[in-house]
Amino acid sequence: MRKLVFAAAAAATLASAGAAFAQMPAPADIIKNWDKNGDGAVDKAEWTAAGRPAERFDAIDANKDGKVTAAELDAAMAAMRQRGG
């Protein structure tokens, strides 16, 4: 009986995690909301002004140009989904 309850709880947790990804806004919409100067990308100042960790910016800025684009954010989100988190 305990195994059945645990399995049901695990299944519910996984289902809710999948639903959270399904409800996540598109990277382009996220960038649009975070882009305060309207240049189509998020620079480090815009990123950190909202309390986001600078280390995460550095990891997502794939071409190291000092800006995170929708494409870079999309790639980072896809990599996170593949890792299961």
N, C-alpha and C. Protein backbone atom coordinates (compact mmCIF):
# COMPACT_ATOMS: atom_id res chain seq x y z
N MET A 1 0.82 -1.19 0.00
CA MET A 1 0.00 0.00 0.00
C MET A 1 0.86 1.26 0.00
N ARG A 2 1.94 1.25 0.80
CA ARG A 2 2.83 2.41 0.85
C ARG A 2 3.45 2.70 -0.51
N LYS A 3 3.82 1.64 -1.22
CA LYS A 3 4.42 1.81 -2.54
C LYS A 3 3.43 2.45 -3.51
N LEU A 4 2.18 2.06 -3.42
CA LEU A 4 1.15 2.62 -4.28
C LEU A 4 0.96 4.11 -4.00
N VAL A 5 0.92 4.48 -2.73
CA VAL A 5 0.77 5.88 -2.36
C VAL A 5 1.97 6.69 -2.84
N PHE A 6 3.17 6.15 -2.64
CA PHE A 6 4.37 6.84 -3.09
C PHE A 6 4.36 7.01 -4.61
N ALA A 7 4.01 5.95 -5.33
CA ALA A 7 3.97 6.01 -6.79
C ALA A 7 2.95 7.04 -7.26
N ALA A 8 1.81 7.11 -6.62
CA ALA A 8 0.79 8.10 -6.99
C ALA A 8 1.28 9.52 -6.72
N ALA A 9 1.95 9.72 -5.61
CA ALA A 9 2.49 11.04 -5.28
C ALA A 9 3.57 11.44 -6.27
N ALA A 10 4.43 10.51 -6.65
CA ALA A 10 5.48 10.79 -7.62
C ALA A 10 4.89 11.13 -8.98
N ALA A 11 3.87 10.40 -9.38
CA ALA A 11 3.21 10.67 -10.67
C ALA A 11 2.56 12.04 -10.67
N ALA A 12 1.93 12.41 -9.57
CA ALA A 12 1.30 13.73 -9.46
C ALA A 12 2.34 14.84 -9.54
N THR A 13 3.47 14.63 -8.89
CA THR A 13 4.54 15.63 -8.92
C THR A 13 5.08 15.80 -10.34
N LEU A 14 5.32 14.71 -11.03
CA LEU A 14 5.83 14.79 -12.40
C LEU A 14 4.81 15.43 -13.33
N ALA A 15 3.55 15.14 -13.15
CA ALA A 15 2.50 15.73 -13.98
C ALA A 15 2.43 17.23 -13.77
N SER A 16 2.55 17.67 -12.52
CA SER A 16 2.49 19.11 -12.26
C SER A 16 3.72 19.82 -12.80
N ALA A 17 4.87 19.17 -12.79
CA ALA A 17 6.08 19.77 -13.36
C ALA A 17 5.92 19.94 -14.86
N GLY A 18 5.35 18.96 -15.52
CA GLY A 18 5.10 19.06 -16.96
C GLY A 18 4.11 20.17 -17.27
N ALA A 19 3.11 20.32 -16.44
CA ALA A 19 2.13 21.39 -16.64
C ALA A 19 2.77 22.75 -16.46
N ALA A 20 3.71 22.86 -15.53
CA ALA A 20 4.40 24.14 -15.31
C ALA A 20 5.18 24.54 -16.55
N PHE A 21 5.86 23.59 -17.20
CA PHE A 21 6.59 23.90 -18.43
C PHE A 21 5.62 24.29 -19.54
N ALA A 22 4.48 23.63 -19.60
CA ALA A 22 3.51 23.92 -20.64
C ALA A 22 2.94 25.32 -20.48
N GLN A 23 2.87 25.84 -19.26
CA GLN A 23 2.30 27.15 -19.00
C GLN A 23 3.35 28.26 -19.03
N MET A 24 4.60 27.91 -19.17
CA MET A 24 5.67 28.91 -19.18
C MET A 24 5.55 29.78 -20.42
N PRO A 25 5.71 31.09 -20.27
CA PRO A 25 5.63 31.96 -21.45
C PRO A 25 6.77 31.70 -22.43
N ALA A 26 6.55 32.07 -23.67
CA ALA A 26 7.56 31.90 -24.70
C ALA A 26 8.76 32.79 -24.41
N PRO A 27 9.96 32.34 -24.77
CA PRO A 27 11.16 33.15 -24.53
C PRO A 27 11.05 34.56 -25.10
N ALA A 28 10.46 34.71 -26.27
CA ALA A 28 10.31 36.04 -26.87
C ALA A 28 9.45 36.95 -25.99
N ASP A 29 8.41 36.39 -25.37
CA ASP A 29 7.55 37.17 -24.48
C ASP A 29 8.28 37.54 -23.20
N ILE A 30 9.10 36.63 -22.70
CA ILE A 30 9.89 36.90 -21.49
C ILE A 30 10.86 38.05 -21.77
N ILE A 31 11.57 37.97 -22.89
CA ILE A 31 12.53 39.02 -23.25
C ILE A 31 11.80 40.35 -23.41
N LYS A 32 10.66 40.33 -24.05
CA LYS A 32 9.88 41.56 -24.25
C LYS A 32 9.53 42.21 -22.91
N ASN A 33 9.17 41.41 -21.93
CA ASN A 33 8.81 41.93 -20.61
C ASN A 33 10.02 42.44 -19.84
N TRP A 34 11.17 41.82 -20.00
CA TRP A 34 12.36 42.18 -19.24
C TRP A 34 13.16 43.29 -19.92
N ASP A 35 12.95 43.50 -21.21
CA ASP A 35 13.72 44.47 -22.00
C ASP A 35 13.22 45.89 -21.74
N LYS A 36 13.85 46.56 -20.81
CA LYS A 36 13.39 47.90 -20.41
C LYS A 36 13.81 49.00 -21.38
N ASN A 37 14.92 48.82 -22.11
CA ASN A 37 15.36 49.88 -23.02
C ASN A 37 14.87 49.67 -24.45
N GLY A 38 14.13 48.58 -24.70
CA GLY A 38 13.49 48.35 -25.99
C GLY A 38 14.42 47.99 -27.13
N ASP A 39 15.59 47.44 -26.83
CA ASP A 39 16.52 47.08 -27.91
C ASP A 39 16.35 45.65 -28.40
N GLY A 40 15.38 44.93 -27.86
CA GLY A 40 15.10 43.57 -28.32
C GLY A 40 15.89 42.48 -27.61
N ALA A 41 16.67 42.87 -26.62
CA ALA A 41 17.46 41.91 -25.84
C ALA A 41 17.52 42.42 -24.40
N VAL A 42 18.00 41.57 -23.52
CA VAL A 42 18.14 41.94 -22.11
C VAL A 42 19.62 42.03 -21.79
N ASP A 43 20.06 43.22 -21.36
CA ASP A 43 21.46 43.36 -20.97
C ASP A 43 21.60 43.02 -19.49
N LYS A 44 22.84 42.97 -19.04
CA LYS A 44 23.10 42.53 -17.67
C LYS A 44 22.48 43.47 -16.64
N ALA A 45 22.45 44.76 -16.91
CA ALA A 45 21.84 45.72 -15.98
C ALA A 45 20.34 45.47 -15.85
N GLU A 46 19.67 45.21 -16.97
CA GLU A 46 18.24 44.90 -16.93
C GLU A 46 18.00 43.59 -16.18
N TRP A 47 18.86 42.64 -16.40
CA TRP A 47 18.74 41.32 -15.78
C TRP A 47 18.88 41.42 -14.26
N THR A 48 19.93 42.09 -13.81
CA THR A 48 20.20 42.15 -12.37
C THR A 48 19.32 43.14 -11.64
N ALA A 49 18.77 44.14 -12.34
CA ALA A 49 17.90 45.13 -11.70
C ALA A 49 16.68 44.48 -11.06
N ALA A 50 16.25 43.37 -11.63
CA ALA A 50 15.08 42.66 -11.09
C ALA A 50 15.48 41.57 -10.10
N GLY A 51 16.76 41.55 -9.71
CA GLY A 51 17.20 40.58 -8.71
C GLY A 51 17.57 39.22 -9.26
N ARG A 52 17.71 39.12 -10.58
CA ARG A 52 18.13 37.85 -11.16
C ARG A 52 19.64 37.69 -10.99
N PRO A 53 20.12 36.47 -10.73
CA PRO A 53 21.55 36.26 -10.49
C PRO A 53 22.41 36.54 -11.73
N ALA A 54 23.47 37.30 -11.55
CA ALA A 54 24.39 37.63 -12.64
C ALA A 54 25.02 36.37 -13.23
N GLU A 55 25.27 35.36 -12.38
CA GLU A 55 25.89 34.13 -12.88
C GLU A 55 24.99 33.44 -13.91
N ARG A 56 23.70 33.51 -13.70
CA ARG A 56 22.77 32.88 -14.64
C ARG A 56 22.79 33.63 -15.97
N PHE A 57 22.88 34.97 -15.90
CA PHE A 57 22.99 35.77 -17.13
C PHE A 57 24.20 35.31 -17.93
N ASP A 58 25.34 35.19 -17.24
CA ASP A 58 26.57 34.80 -17.91
C ASP A 58 26.45 33.42 -18.56
N ALA A 59 25.72 32.53 -17.94
CA ALA A 59 25.54 31.19 -18.49
C ALA A 59 24.61 31.20 -19.71
N ILE A 60 23.62 32.07 -19.72
CA ILE A 60 22.65 32.11 -20.82
C ILE A 60 23.16 32.90 -22.01
N ASP A 61 23.99 33.91 -21.77
CA ASP A 61 24.54 34.74 -22.85
C ASP A 61 25.59 33.92 -23.61
N ALA A 62 25.11 33.10 -24.53
CA ALA A 62 25.96 32.10 -25.20
C ALA A 62 27.09 32.73 -26.02
N ASN A 63 26.83 33.84 -26.70
CA ASN A 63 27.87 34.43 -27.53
C ASN A 63 28.68 35.51 -26.81
N LYS A 64 28.37 35.69 -25.52
CA LYS A 64 29.12 36.61 -24.65
C LYS A 64 29.18 38.04 -25.19
N ASP A 65 28.05 38.50 -25.77
CA ASP A 65 28.00 39.87 -26.28
C ASP A 65 27.39 40.84 -25.28
N GLY A 66 27.08 40.35 -24.08
CA GLY A 66 26.52 41.22 -23.05
C GLY A 66 25.02 41.38 -23.12
N LYS A 67 24.38 40.57 -23.96
CA LYS A 67 22.92 40.62 -24.10
C LYS A 67 22.37 39.20 -24.20
N VAL A 68 21.19 39.01 -23.62
CA VAL A 68 20.49 37.74 -23.77
C VAL A 68 19.33 37.97 -24.73
N THR A 69 19.33 37.21 -25.82
CA THR A 69 18.26 37.29 -26.81
C THR A 69 17.23 36.20 -26.56
N ALA A 70 16.12 36.29 -27.27
CA ALA A 70 15.10 35.26 -27.15
C ALA A 70 15.65 33.90 -27.57
N ALA A 71 16.50 33.88 -28.59
CA ALA A 71 17.08 32.61 -29.06
C ALA A 71 17.98 31.99 -27.99
N GLU A 72 18.78 32.82 -27.33
CA GLU A 72 19.66 32.31 -26.27
C GLU A 72 18.85 31.81 -25.08
N LEU A 73 17.80 32.55 -24.73
CA LEU A 73 16.95 32.12 -23.62
C LEU A 73 16.21 30.83 -23.98
N ASP A 74 15.75 30.72 -25.21
CA ASP A 74 15.08 29.51 -25.66
C ASP A 74 16.01 28.31 -25.58
N ALA A 75 17.26 28.48 -26.01
CA ALA A 75 18.23 27.39 -25.96
C ALA A 75 18.52 26.99 -24.51
N ALA A 76 18.63 27.98 -23.62
CA ALA A 76 18.89 27.68 -22.21
C ALA A 76 17.71 26.95 -21.58
N MET A 77 16.50 27.36 -21.93
CA MET A 77 15.32 26.70 -21.39
C MET A 77 15.21 25.28 -21.91
N ALA A 78 15.54 25.07 -23.17
CA ALA A 78 15.50 23.71 -23.75
C ALA A 78 16.54 22.81 -23.05
N ALA A 79 17.72 23.36 -22.79
CA ALA A 79 18.74 22.58 -22.10
C ALA A 79 18.28 22.22 -20.68
N MET A 80 17.61 23.15 -20.02
CA MET A 80 17.11 22.89 -18.67
C MET A 80 16.03 21.80 -18.70
N ARG A 81 15.16 21.85 -19.71
CA ARG A 81 14.13 20.81 -19.81
C ARG A 81 14.77 19.45 -20.04
N GLN A 82 15.82 19.39 -20.84
CA GLN A 82 16.50 18.11 -21.11
C GLN A 82 17.15 17.55 -19.85
N ARG A 83 17.64 18.45 -18.99
CA ARG A 83 18.25 18.00 -17.74
C ARG A 83 17.18 17.63 -16.71
N GLY A 84 15.93 17.93 -17.02
CA GLY A 84 14.85 17.58 -16.11
C GLY A 84 14.60 18.62 -15.03
N GLY A 85 15.01 19.83 -15.25
CA GLY A 85 14.80 20.82 -14.21
C GLY A 85 14.51 22.14 -14.76
